Amino acid sequence: MGLRDILTGRHELKGPAPDRLFAITTAYVTLQSAHAIDPTGVAAIVFQALATSEFDETLTEMEAVVKSAGQESATSVSTQDDSYGYRWMVLRSPGDAPSVEDLAVGINAVAGSIETAGYGERLLCAVFGFADQHADAQAKRIYLIYNYKRGFWYPFVPAAGAGEGEQQRATERELQIKAQIGSEMPIEPEIERWFPLWGIPI
C-alpha cells in the first residue's frame, strides 16, 4: 500500500483549512511548557508532483515566495522525493528557539499556492517534528501530522530501539499526546486513520 493510498482513502480534499493548520501554533506551547516536548525547528509538506512544465513552474514560484518570506526569520527551504515518488518540501527554522509560527506560515503558503494553481487534490499532509526531552522517554522522535484529505491532526511516534528495518510505533505515547493537546487542535477522531509515515526526512 502506497503513501497516497493510506492517506487519501476515498475522501476528497477539504482544502488547506488554515485555521486548522495554525492550531499547531498554540498547541506546541502546551507541549513544550507542560510536557517537555520541544519543536525541532523542522516541518514539511508532502504532495504528489506532476511531471509537467506548468507544475514545475508552480513549484519554482512557490519555493521562491517561501524563501523570500523566510529571509527575515532565516527559514530555509529544500525539496526531496521519497521512495513512494512523493515530493517533500522541507522548511527549517534555525537557532535554539525555532519558530513554529514561521514554519506554519511557510507550510500554509505552499499549500495555498498548490491549491490556487489547481492542484489541491495532490496535497497529502504537513508534518511538524518534535523531540521528547524526558530522560526516560521510550520514543524521542514525535511528529504531528496534518492530513489535508481529512482536515485533522494526529500524532505519530516511531518506537525507539527497533532493529534495522523494523517499523514499530509507540501507540501508548500517541494516545498520551492526544490527551495532552486534544482540546487545542482538531485531532482525527478515528484512530485507525492515524496512518504511520515511515522514513520521514525531518
N, C-alpha and C. Protein backbone atom coordinates (compact mmCIF):
# COMPACT_ATOMS: atom_id res chain seq x y z
N MET A 1 0.85 -1.20 0.00
CA MET A 1 0.00 0.00 0.00
C MET A 1 0.88 1.24 0.00
N GLY A 2 0.64 2.16 -0.95
CA GLY A 2 1.46 3.36 -1.06
C GLY A 2 1.04 4.47 -0.13
N LEU A 3 1.89 5.48 -0.04
CA LEU A 3 1.62 6.61 0.84
C LEU A 3 0.31 7.29 0.47
N ARG A 4 0.08 7.50 -0.81
CA ARG A 4 -1.15 8.18 -1.21
C ARG A 4 -2.38 7.36 -0.85
N ASP A 5 -2.27 6.03 -0.97
CA ASP A 5 -3.41 5.16 -0.67
C ASP A 5 -3.81 5.26 0.80
N ILE A 6 -2.82 5.20 1.71
CA ILE A 6 -3.16 5.19 3.13
C ILE A 6 -3.62 6.55 3.61
N LEU A 7 -3.18 7.61 2.93
CA LEU A 7 -3.56 8.95 3.38
C LEU A 7 -4.89 9.41 2.80
N THR A 8 -5.09 9.11 1.54
CA THR A 8 -6.26 9.69 0.88
C THR A 8 -7.53 8.86 1.07
N GLY A 9 -7.41 7.55 1.04
CA GLY A 9 -8.62 6.74 1.10
C GLY A 9 -9.55 7.14 -0.03
N ARG A 10 -10.81 7.29 0.31
CA ARG A 10 -11.80 7.69 -0.70
C ARG A 10 -12.35 9.08 -0.42
N HIS A 11 -11.63 9.82 0.42
CA HIS A 11 -12.13 11.14 0.80
C HIS A 11 -11.58 12.22 -0.12
N GLU A 12 -12.41 13.15 -0.49
CA GLU A 12 -11.99 14.27 -1.31
C GLU A 12 -11.31 15.32 -0.45
N LEU A 13 -10.48 16.10 -1.10
CA LEU A 13 -9.74 17.15 -0.39
C LEU A 13 -10.69 18.20 0.17
N LYS A 14 -10.47 18.57 1.42
CA LYS A 14 -11.29 19.60 2.06
C LYS A 14 -10.66 20.98 1.92
N GLY A 15 -9.42 21.03 1.42
CA GLY A 15 -8.74 22.30 1.28
C GLY A 15 -7.77 22.53 2.42
N PRO A 16 -6.85 23.49 2.27
CA PRO A 16 -5.81 23.70 3.26
C PRO A 16 -6.31 24.06 4.65
N ALA A 17 -7.52 24.66 4.78
CA ALA A 17 -8.09 24.98 6.10
C ALA A 17 -7.06 25.61 7.02
N PRO A 18 -6.63 26.84 6.73
CA PRO A 18 -5.58 27.49 7.52
C PRO A 18 -5.87 27.53 9.01
N ASP A 19 -7.13 27.72 9.39
CA ASP A 19 -7.44 27.80 10.82
C ASP A 19 -7.10 26.49 11.52
N ARG A 20 -7.33 25.38 10.87
CA ARG A 20 -7.00 24.08 11.45
C ARG A 20 -5.49 23.85 11.45
N LEU A 21 -4.85 24.22 10.37
CA LEU A 21 -3.39 24.07 10.30
C LEU A 21 -2.71 24.89 11.39
N PHE A 22 -3.15 26.12 11.59
CA PHE A 22 -2.49 27.02 12.54
C PHE A 22 -2.78 26.66 14.00
N ALA A 23 -3.58 25.63 14.23
CA ALA A 23 -3.76 25.16 15.61
C ALA A 23 -2.44 24.71 16.20
N ILE A 24 -1.49 24.34 15.35
CA ILE A 24 -0.18 23.90 15.82
C ILE A 24 0.56 25.03 16.53
N THR A 25 0.25 26.28 16.20
CA THR A 25 1.00 27.41 16.75
C THR A 25 0.64 27.69 18.21
N THR A 26 -0.44 27.13 18.69
CA THR A 26 -0.77 27.25 20.12
C THR A 26 -0.56 25.93 20.84
N ALA A 27 -0.84 24.83 20.16
CA ALA A 27 -0.71 23.52 20.81
C ALA A 27 0.74 23.23 21.19
N TYR A 28 1.69 23.69 20.39
CA TYR A 28 3.08 23.38 20.69
C TYR A 28 3.53 24.03 21.99
N VAL A 29 2.91 25.16 22.34
CA VAL A 29 3.27 25.85 23.59
C VAL A 29 2.96 24.95 24.78
N THR A 30 1.80 24.30 24.73
CA THR A 30 1.42 23.37 25.79
C THR A 30 2.37 22.19 25.84
N LEU A 31 2.71 21.64 24.68
CA LEU A 31 3.63 20.50 24.65
C LEU A 31 4.98 20.87 25.25
N GLN A 32 5.44 22.07 24.91
CA GLN A 32 6.77 22.47 25.36
C GLN A 32 6.80 22.85 26.83
N SER A 33 5.83 23.65 27.26
CA SER A 33 5.86 24.17 28.62
C SER A 33 5.38 23.17 29.67
N ALA A 34 4.43 22.34 29.30
CA ALA A 34 3.84 21.43 30.29
C ALA A 34 4.31 19.99 30.16
N HIS A 35 4.88 19.63 29.01
CA HIS A 35 5.19 18.21 28.79
C HIS A 35 6.61 17.96 28.29
N ALA A 36 7.45 18.98 28.24
CA ALA A 36 8.86 18.83 27.84
C ALA A 36 9.01 18.20 26.46
N ILE A 37 8.14 18.60 25.55
CA ILE A 37 8.23 18.14 24.16
C ILE A 37 8.52 19.38 23.31
N ASP A 38 9.75 19.46 22.80
CA ASP A 38 10.21 20.67 22.12
C ASP A 38 10.14 20.55 20.61
N PRO A 39 9.80 21.65 19.92
CA PRO A 39 9.85 21.63 18.46
C PRO A 39 11.29 21.51 17.98
N THR A 40 11.50 20.77 16.92
CA THR A 40 12.85 20.59 16.38
C THR A 40 13.22 21.67 15.38
N GLY A 41 12.24 22.50 15.01
CA GLY A 41 12.51 23.56 14.04
C GLY A 41 12.44 23.09 12.61
N VAL A 42 11.82 21.93 12.38
CA VAL A 42 11.70 21.40 11.02
C VAL A 42 10.26 20.96 10.77
N ALA A 43 9.76 21.30 9.61
CA ALA A 43 8.43 20.87 9.19
C ALA A 43 8.48 20.59 7.69
N ALA A 44 7.49 19.88 7.21
CA ALA A 44 7.47 19.55 5.78
C ALA A 44 6.04 19.44 5.29
N ILE A 45 5.88 19.64 4.00
CA ILE A 45 4.60 19.41 3.36
C ILE A 45 4.83 18.38 2.26
N VAL A 46 3.93 17.43 2.17
CA VAL A 46 4.08 16.31 1.24
C VAL A 46 2.99 16.39 0.18
N PHE A 47 3.39 16.23 -1.08
CA PHE A 47 2.41 16.27 -2.16
C PHE A 47 2.88 15.40 -3.30
N GLN A 48 1.94 15.07 -4.16
CA GLN A 48 2.24 14.26 -5.33
C GLN A 48 2.55 15.20 -6.49
N ALA A 49 3.79 15.16 -6.94
CA ALA A 49 4.21 16.08 -8.01
C ALA A 49 3.73 15.58 -9.37
N LEU A 50 3.62 16.50 -10.30
CA LEU A 50 3.26 16.18 -11.67
C LEU A 50 4.46 16.46 -12.58
N ALA A 51 4.71 15.60 -13.53
CA ALA A 51 5.83 15.79 -14.44
C ALA A 51 5.41 16.66 -15.62
N THR A 52 4.99 17.90 -15.29
CA THR A 52 4.61 18.85 -16.33
C THR A 52 5.33 20.17 -16.10
N SER A 53 5.53 20.93 -17.15
CA SER A 53 6.23 22.21 -17.02
C SER A 53 5.41 23.19 -16.19
N GLU A 54 4.08 23.12 -16.29
CA GLU A 54 3.22 24.02 -15.52
C GLU A 54 3.38 23.75 -14.02
N PHE A 55 3.41 22.48 -13.65
CA PHE A 55 3.54 22.16 -12.24
C PHE A 55 4.93 22.54 -11.73
N ASP A 56 5.95 22.28 -12.53
CA ASP A 56 7.31 22.66 -12.15
C ASP A 56 7.42 24.18 -11.97
N GLU A 57 6.74 24.91 -12.83
CA GLU A 57 6.77 26.37 -12.71
C GLU A 57 6.08 26.82 -11.42
N THR A 58 4.97 26.17 -11.10
CA THR A 58 4.27 26.48 -9.84
C THR A 58 5.18 26.24 -8.65
N LEU A 59 5.89 25.11 -8.64
CA LEU A 59 6.78 24.78 -7.53
C LEU A 59 7.94 25.77 -7.43
N THR A 60 8.49 26.17 -8.58
CA THR A 60 9.60 27.11 -8.57
C THR A 60 9.17 28.46 -8.00
N GLU A 61 8.02 28.95 -8.45
CA GLU A 61 7.50 30.21 -7.94
C GLU A 61 7.16 30.11 -6.45
N MET A 62 6.58 28.98 -6.06
CA MET A 62 6.20 28.76 -4.68
C MET A 62 7.42 28.74 -3.77
N GLU A 63 8.46 28.05 -4.19
CA GLU A 63 9.68 27.98 -3.38
C GLU A 63 10.32 29.35 -3.25
N ALA A 64 10.27 30.15 -4.32
CA ALA A 64 10.84 31.49 -4.28
C ALA A 64 10.07 32.37 -3.29
N VAL A 65 8.75 32.23 -3.27
CA VAL A 65 7.93 33.02 -2.35
C VAL A 65 8.24 32.64 -0.91
N VAL A 66 8.34 31.33 -0.63
CA VAL A 66 8.62 30.89 0.73
C VAL A 66 10.00 31.34 1.18
N LYS A 67 10.98 31.25 0.28
CA LYS A 67 12.33 31.69 0.63
C LYS A 67 12.37 33.19 0.89
N SER A 68 11.63 33.94 0.07
CA SER A 68 11.58 35.39 0.25
C SER A 68 10.93 35.75 1.57
N ALA A 69 9.82 35.07 1.88
CA ALA A 69 9.11 35.34 3.13
C ALA A 69 9.92 34.93 4.33
N GLY A 70 10.80 33.94 4.15
CA GLY A 70 11.57 33.43 5.27
C GLY A 70 12.92 34.09 5.46
N GLN A 71 13.25 35.09 4.63
CA GLN A 71 14.56 35.73 4.75
C GLN A 71 14.74 36.39 6.11
N GLU A 72 13.72 37.06 6.58
CA GLU A 72 13.83 37.76 7.85
C GLU A 72 14.01 36.78 9.00
N SER A 73 13.35 35.65 8.93
CA SER A 73 13.44 34.66 10.00
C SER A 73 14.51 33.61 9.73
N ALA A 74 15.15 33.69 8.55
CA ALA A 74 16.20 32.75 8.15
C ALA A 74 15.67 31.34 7.92
N THR A 75 14.38 31.20 7.67
CA THR A 75 13.81 29.89 7.37
C THR A 75 14.32 29.42 6.02
N SER A 76 14.82 28.20 5.97
CA SER A 76 15.34 27.66 4.72
C SER A 76 14.36 26.65 4.12
N VAL A 77 14.47 26.43 2.82
CA VAL A 77 13.57 25.54 2.11
C VAL A 77 14.38 24.58 1.24
N SER A 78 14.01 23.31 1.27
CA SER A 78 14.63 22.33 0.38
C SER A 78 13.58 21.31 -0.02
N THR A 79 13.84 20.57 -1.07
CA THR A 79 12.89 19.55 -1.53
C THR A 79 13.60 18.23 -1.77
N GLN A 80 12.86 17.15 -1.61
CA GLN A 80 13.38 15.84 -1.94
C GLN A 80 12.22 14.90 -2.20
N ASP A 81 12.49 13.86 -3.00
CA ASP A 81 11.47 12.87 -3.31
C ASP A 81 11.72 11.61 -2.48
N ASP A 82 10.63 10.94 -2.06
CA ASP A 82 10.80 9.73 -1.27
C ASP A 82 10.67 8.49 -2.15
N SER A 83 10.76 7.33 -1.52
CA SER A 83 10.74 6.08 -2.28
C SER A 83 9.38 5.78 -2.89
N TYR A 84 8.33 6.47 -2.42
CA TYR A 84 7.00 6.31 -3.00
C TYR A 84 6.78 7.21 -4.21
N GLY A 85 7.73 8.12 -4.44
CA GLY A 85 7.59 9.05 -5.55
C GLY A 85 6.88 10.33 -5.19
N TYR A 86 6.81 10.65 -3.88
CA TYR A 86 6.16 11.88 -3.44
C TYR A 86 7.19 12.93 -3.07
N ARG A 87 6.83 14.16 -3.26
CA ARG A 87 7.74 15.27 -3.02
C ARG A 87 7.56 15.82 -1.61
N TRP A 88 8.66 16.01 -0.92
CA TRP A 88 8.68 16.62 0.41
C TRP A 88 9.34 17.99 0.28
N MET A 89 8.61 19.03 0.63
CA MET A 89 9.22 20.36 0.72
C MET A 89 9.46 20.61 2.21
N VAL A 90 10.73 20.71 2.56
CA VAL A 90 11.14 20.78 3.96
C VAL A 90 11.53 22.20 4.33
N LEU A 91 10.96 22.70 5.42
CA LEU A 91 11.26 24.03 5.93
C LEU A 91 11.99 23.89 7.26
N ARG A 92 13.04 24.69 7.44
CA ARG A 92 13.83 24.64 8.67
C ARG A 92 13.93 26.03 9.29
N SER A 93 13.60 26.10 10.57
CA SER A 93 13.74 27.35 11.33
C SER A 93 14.94 27.17 12.26
N PRO A 94 16.03 27.89 12.03
CA PRO A 94 17.28 27.64 12.75
C PRO A 94 17.27 28.24 14.15
N GLY A 95 18.31 27.91 14.91
CA GLY A 95 18.50 28.52 16.22
C GLY A 95 18.01 27.65 17.36
N ASP A 96 18.29 28.13 18.57
CA ASP A 96 17.91 27.40 19.78
C ASP A 96 16.42 27.55 20.10
N ALA A 97 15.79 28.56 19.52
CA ALA A 97 14.35 28.78 19.74
C ALA A 97 13.64 28.86 18.40
N PRO A 98 13.51 27.72 17.71
CA PRO A 98 12.88 27.73 16.38
C PRO A 98 11.44 28.20 16.44
N SER A 99 11.00 28.84 15.36
CA SER A 99 9.67 29.41 15.32
C SER A 99 8.68 28.47 14.63
N VAL A 100 7.80 27.89 15.42
CA VAL A 100 6.75 27.06 14.84
C VAL A 100 5.81 27.91 14.02
N GLU A 101 5.63 29.16 14.45
CA GLU A 101 4.75 30.08 13.72
C GLU A 101 5.28 30.31 12.30
N ASP A 102 6.59 30.56 12.17
CA ASP A 102 7.17 30.77 10.84
C ASP A 102 7.02 29.53 9.97
N LEU A 103 7.22 28.37 10.57
CA LEU A 103 7.08 27.13 9.81
C LEU A 103 5.63 26.95 9.34
N ALA A 104 4.67 27.25 10.21
CA ALA A 104 3.26 27.11 9.84
C ALA A 104 2.89 28.08 8.72
N VAL A 105 3.42 29.30 8.80
CA VAL A 105 3.15 30.28 7.74
C VAL A 105 3.70 29.78 6.41
N GLY A 106 4.92 29.24 6.44
CA GLY A 106 5.53 28.72 5.22
C GLY A 106 4.77 27.54 4.65
N ILE A 107 4.40 26.61 5.51
CA ILE A 107 3.64 25.44 5.07
C ILE A 107 2.31 25.87 4.46
N ASN A 108 1.64 26.82 5.11
CA ASN A 108 0.35 27.29 4.59
C ASN A 108 0.52 27.99 3.25
N ALA A 109 1.63 28.71 3.07
CA ALA A 109 1.89 29.39 1.80
C ALA A 109 2.06 28.37 0.68
N VAL A 110 2.77 27.29 0.96
CA VAL A 110 2.96 26.24 -0.03
C VAL A 110 1.62 25.59 -0.39
N ALA A 111 0.84 25.22 0.64
CA ALA A 111 -0.46 24.59 0.40
C ALA A 111 -1.38 25.51 -0.39
N GLY A 112 -1.39 26.79 -0.01
CA GLY A 112 -2.24 27.75 -0.71
C GLY A 112 -1.85 27.92 -2.16
N SER A 113 -0.54 27.93 -2.44
CA SER A 113 -0.07 28.08 -3.82
C SER A 113 -0.45 26.87 -4.66
N ILE A 114 -0.31 25.68 -4.08
CA ILE A 114 -0.66 24.47 -4.82
C ILE A 114 -2.16 24.44 -5.12
N GLU A 115 -2.98 24.83 -4.15
CA GLU A 115 -4.42 24.83 -4.37
C GLU A 115 -4.84 25.90 -5.38
N THR A 116 -4.24 27.10 -5.25
CA THR A 116 -4.58 28.18 -6.17
C THR A 116 -4.25 27.82 -7.61
N ALA A 117 -3.17 27.06 -7.79
CA ALA A 117 -2.76 26.64 -9.13
C ALA A 117 -3.64 25.51 -9.67
N GLY A 118 -4.57 25.03 -8.86
CA GLY A 118 -5.48 23.99 -9.32
C GLY A 118 -5.03 22.57 -9.03
N TYR A 119 -4.03 22.41 -8.15
CA TYR A 119 -3.50 21.09 -7.85
C TYR A 119 -3.79 20.67 -6.40
N GLY A 120 -4.81 21.23 -5.81
CA GLY A 120 -5.11 20.97 -4.41
C GLY A 120 -5.30 19.51 -4.08
N GLU A 121 -5.81 18.73 -5.03
CA GLU A 121 -6.05 17.31 -4.75
C GLU A 121 -4.75 16.53 -4.58
N ARG A 122 -3.63 17.16 -4.91
CA ARG A 122 -2.34 16.48 -4.79
C ARG A 122 -1.68 16.70 -3.44
N LEU A 123 -2.29 17.54 -2.62
CA LEU A 123 -1.76 17.74 -1.26
C LEU A 123 -2.05 16.51 -0.41
N LEU A 124 -1.06 16.04 0.31
CA LEU A 124 -1.25 14.89 1.18
C LEU A 124 -1.27 15.30 2.65
N CYS A 125 -0.15 15.78 3.17
CA CYS A 125 -0.12 16.12 4.58
C CYS A 125 1.00 17.10 4.89
N ALA A 126 0.93 17.69 6.07
CA ALA A 126 2.00 18.51 6.62
C ALA A 126 2.50 17.81 7.87
N VAL A 127 3.81 17.86 8.11
CA VAL A 127 4.41 17.16 9.24
C VAL A 127 5.30 18.12 10.02
N PHE A 128 5.12 18.19 11.34
CA PHE A 128 5.95 19.02 12.21
C PHE A 128 6.71 18.11 13.17
N GLY A 129 8.02 18.34 13.28
CA GLY A 129 8.85 17.48 14.11
C GLY A 129 9.02 18.01 15.53
N PHE A 130 9.04 17.08 16.49
CA PHE A 130 9.25 17.41 17.90
C PHE A 130 10.20 16.38 18.51
N ALA A 131 10.78 16.76 19.67
CA ALA A 131 11.67 15.87 20.39
C ALA A 131 11.23 15.79 21.85
N ASP A 132 11.10 14.57 22.35
CA ASP A 132 10.70 14.34 23.75
C ASP A 132 11.94 14.48 24.63
N GLN A 133 11.93 15.45 25.55
CA GLN A 133 13.10 15.73 26.38
C GLN A 133 13.10 14.96 27.71
N HIS A 134 12.09 14.15 27.95
CA HIS A 134 12.09 13.35 29.18
C HIS A 134 13.24 12.35 29.15
N ALA A 135 13.96 12.26 30.24
CA ALA A 135 15.13 11.38 30.29
C ALA A 135 14.76 9.92 30.06
N ASP A 136 13.57 9.53 30.51
CA ASP A 136 13.16 8.14 30.38
C ASP A 136 12.23 7.89 29.20
N ALA A 137 12.18 8.84 28.29
CA ALA A 137 11.28 8.70 27.14
C ALA A 137 11.69 7.50 26.29
N GLN A 138 10.72 6.64 26.01
CA GLN A 138 11.00 5.46 25.18
C GLN A 138 11.06 5.81 23.71
N ALA A 139 10.47 6.92 23.33
CA ALA A 139 10.48 7.36 21.94
C ALA A 139 10.84 8.85 21.91
N LYS A 140 11.97 9.16 21.34
CA LYS A 140 12.44 10.54 21.35
C LYS A 140 11.84 11.38 20.23
N ARG A 141 11.55 10.75 19.11
CA ARG A 141 11.00 11.48 17.97
C ARG A 141 9.48 11.48 18.02
N ILE A 142 8.91 12.65 17.84
CA ILE A 142 7.46 12.79 17.82
C ILE A 142 7.08 13.65 16.62
N TYR A 143 6.06 13.23 15.91
CA TYR A 143 5.58 14.00 14.77
C TYR A 143 4.10 14.31 14.93
N LEU A 144 3.73 15.53 14.59
CA LEU A 144 2.32 15.88 14.48
C LEU A 144 2.02 16.05 13.00
N ILE A 145 1.04 15.29 12.54
CA ILE A 145 0.73 15.22 11.11
C ILE A 145 -0.65 15.80 10.85
N TYR A 146 -0.71 16.71 9.86
CA TYR A 146 -2.00 17.27 9.44
C TYR A 146 -2.37 16.65 8.10
N ASN A 147 -3.44 15.89 8.07
CA ASN A 147 -3.91 15.22 6.86
C ASN A 147 -4.87 16.14 6.12
N TYR A 148 -4.44 16.66 4.98
CA TYR A 148 -5.26 17.58 4.21
C TYR A 148 -6.55 16.95 3.70
N LYS A 149 -6.54 15.66 3.46
CA LYS A 149 -7.73 14.99 2.94
C LYS A 149 -8.84 14.90 3.99
N ARG A 150 -8.43 14.86 5.25
CA ARG A 150 -9.40 14.71 6.34
C ARG A 150 -9.64 16.00 7.11
N GLY A 151 -8.65 16.89 7.10
CA GLY A 151 -8.78 18.13 7.85
C GLY A 151 -8.54 17.95 9.33
N PHE A 152 -7.76 16.92 9.69
CA PHE A 152 -7.45 16.65 11.10
C PHE A 152 -5.96 16.42 11.31
N TRP A 153 -5.55 16.64 12.57
CA TRP A 153 -4.20 16.32 13.02
C TRP A 153 -4.20 14.96 13.71
N TYR A 154 -3.01 14.35 13.79
CA TYR A 154 -2.83 13.19 14.66
C TYR A 154 -1.35 13.04 14.97
N PRO A 155 -1.02 12.44 16.14
CA PRO A 155 0.38 12.22 16.49
C PRO A 155 0.90 10.91 15.91
N PHE A 156 2.17 10.92 15.54
CA PHE A 156 2.84 9.69 15.10
C PHE A 156 4.16 9.61 15.84
N VAL A 157 4.35 8.51 16.58
CA VAL A 157 5.56 8.35 17.39
C VAL A 157 6.22 7.01 17.05
N PRO A 158 7.29 7.02 16.26
CA PRO A 158 8.02 5.77 15.99
C PRO A 158 8.67 5.28 17.28
N ALA A 159 8.61 3.99 17.53
CA ALA A 159 9.19 3.43 18.75
C ALA A 159 10.71 3.45 18.67
N ALA A 160 11.36 3.85 19.74
CA ALA A 160 12.81 3.85 19.81
C ALA A 160 13.30 2.44 20.06
N GLY A 161 14.50 2.14 19.57
CA GLY A 161 15.11 0.86 19.86
C GLY A 161 14.73 -0.26 18.93
N ALA A 162 13.90 0.02 17.92
CA ALA A 162 13.54 -1.03 16.97
C ALA A 162 14.75 -1.35 16.11
N GLY A 163 14.88 -2.60 15.73
CA GLY A 163 16.01 -3.01 14.91
C GLY A 163 15.92 -2.46 13.50
N GLU A 164 17.00 -2.59 12.76
CA GLU A 164 17.04 -2.08 11.40
C GLU A 164 15.96 -2.75 10.56
N GLY A 165 15.20 -1.95 9.86
CA GLY A 165 14.14 -2.48 9.02
C GLY A 165 12.83 -2.70 9.75
N GLU A 166 12.85 -2.61 11.08
CA GLU A 166 11.62 -2.79 11.85
C GLU A 166 10.82 -1.49 11.90
N GLN A 167 9.53 -1.63 11.83
CA GLN A 167 8.64 -0.47 11.87
C GLN A 167 7.66 -0.66 13.02
N GLN A 168 7.95 -0.03 14.14
CA GLN A 168 7.10 -0.13 15.31
C GLN A 168 6.78 1.28 15.79
N ARG A 169 5.59 1.44 16.32
CA ARG A 169 5.19 2.75 16.81
C ARG A 169 4.80 2.67 18.28
N ALA A 170 4.99 3.79 18.97
CA ALA A 170 4.66 3.87 20.39
C ALA A 170 3.23 4.37 20.52
N THR A 171 2.28 3.45 20.38
CA THR A 171 0.87 3.83 20.35
C THR A 171 0.40 4.42 21.68
N GLU A 172 0.94 3.92 22.79
CA GLU A 172 0.54 4.47 24.08
C GLU A 172 0.97 5.93 24.20
N ARG A 173 2.16 6.24 23.69
CA ARG A 173 2.63 7.63 23.73
C ARG A 173 1.76 8.50 22.83
N GLU A 174 1.35 7.99 21.72
CA GLU A 174 0.48 8.75 20.82
C GLU A 174 -0.83 9.11 21.51
N LEU A 175 -1.39 8.17 22.23
CA LEU A 175 -2.64 8.43 22.95
C LEU A 175 -2.43 9.44 24.07
N GLN A 176 -1.27 9.41 24.71
CA GLN A 176 -0.96 10.40 25.74
C GLN A 176 -0.91 11.80 25.14
N ILE A 177 -0.29 11.92 23.98
CA ILE A 177 -0.19 13.22 23.32
C ILE A 177 -1.57 13.72 22.91
N LYS A 178 -2.41 12.81 22.44
CA LYS A 178 -3.79 13.19 22.11
C LYS A 178 -4.47 13.79 23.33
N ALA A 179 -4.30 13.17 24.48
CA ALA A 179 -4.93 13.66 25.71
C ALA A 179 -4.36 15.01 26.12
N GLN A 180 -3.09 15.24 25.83
CA GLN A 180 -2.42 16.47 26.23
C GLN A 180 -2.84 17.68 25.39
N ILE A 181 -3.11 17.47 24.11
CA ILE A 181 -3.41 18.61 23.22
C ILE A 181 -4.74 18.48 22.49
N GLY A 182 -5.51 17.46 22.83
CA GLY A 182 -6.76 17.22 22.10
C GLY A 182 -7.76 18.36 22.19
N SER A 183 -7.67 19.16 23.24
CA SER A 183 -8.60 20.28 23.38
C SER A 183 -8.12 21.52 22.63
N GLU A 184 -6.91 21.47 22.08
CA GLU A 184 -6.32 22.65 21.45
C GLU A 184 -6.22 22.55 19.93
N MET A 185 -6.41 21.37 19.40
CA MET A 185 -6.35 21.23 17.94
C MET A 185 -7.28 20.12 17.49
N PRO A 186 -7.74 20.17 16.25
CA PRO A 186 -8.68 19.16 15.75
C PRO A 186 -7.96 17.83 15.50
N ILE A 187 -8.10 16.89 16.43
CA ILE A 187 -7.46 15.59 16.32
C ILE A 187 -8.37 14.62 15.57
N GLU A 188 -7.79 13.84 14.67
CA GLU A 188 -8.55 12.83 13.94
C GLU A 188 -9.26 11.90 14.92
N PRO A 189 -10.62 11.87 14.88
CA PRO A 189 -11.37 11.08 15.85
C PRO A 189 -11.30 9.58 15.61
N GLU A 190 -11.01 9.16 14.38
CA GLU A 190 -10.93 7.74 14.05
C GLU A 190 -9.47 7.31 14.14
N ILE A 191 -9.11 6.67 15.24
CA ILE A 191 -7.71 6.32 15.49
C ILE A 191 -7.14 5.41 14.40
N GLU A 192 -7.99 4.63 13.77
CA GLU A 192 -7.49 3.76 12.70
C GLU A 192 -7.00 4.57 11.49
N ARG A 193 -7.30 5.86 11.48
CA ARG A 193 -6.80 6.74 10.42
C ARG A 193 -5.54 7.50 10.83
N TRP A 194 -4.95 7.12 11.95
CA TRP A 194 -3.66 7.68 12.34
C TRP A 194 -2.57 6.89 11.60
N PHE A 195 -2.47 7.14 10.32
CA PHE A 195 -1.58 6.36 9.47
C PHE A 195 -0.11 6.67 9.76
N PRO A 196 0.73 5.66 9.91
CA PRO A 196 2.15 5.89 10.14
C PRO A 196 2.84 6.37 8.86
N LEU A 197 3.81 7.22 9.00
CA LEU A 197 4.65 7.65 7.89
C LEU A 197 6.08 7.25 8.21
N TRP A 198 6.55 6.18 7.62
CA TRP A 198 7.90 5.71 7.90
C TRP A 198 8.89 6.42 6.98
N GLY A 199 10.08 6.64 7.51
CA GLY A 199 11.13 7.29 6.71
C GLY A 199 10.94 8.78 6.54
N ILE A 200 10.31 9.42 7.52
CA ILE A 200 10.10 10.88 7.45
C ILE A 200 11.46 11.58 7.40
N PRO A 201 11.71 12.42 6.41
CA PRO A 201 13.04 13.04 6.26
C PRO A 201 13.22 14.32 7.04
N ILE A 202 12.62 14.42 8.22
CA ILE A 202 12.81 15.62 9.04
C ILE A 202 13.10 15.21 10.49
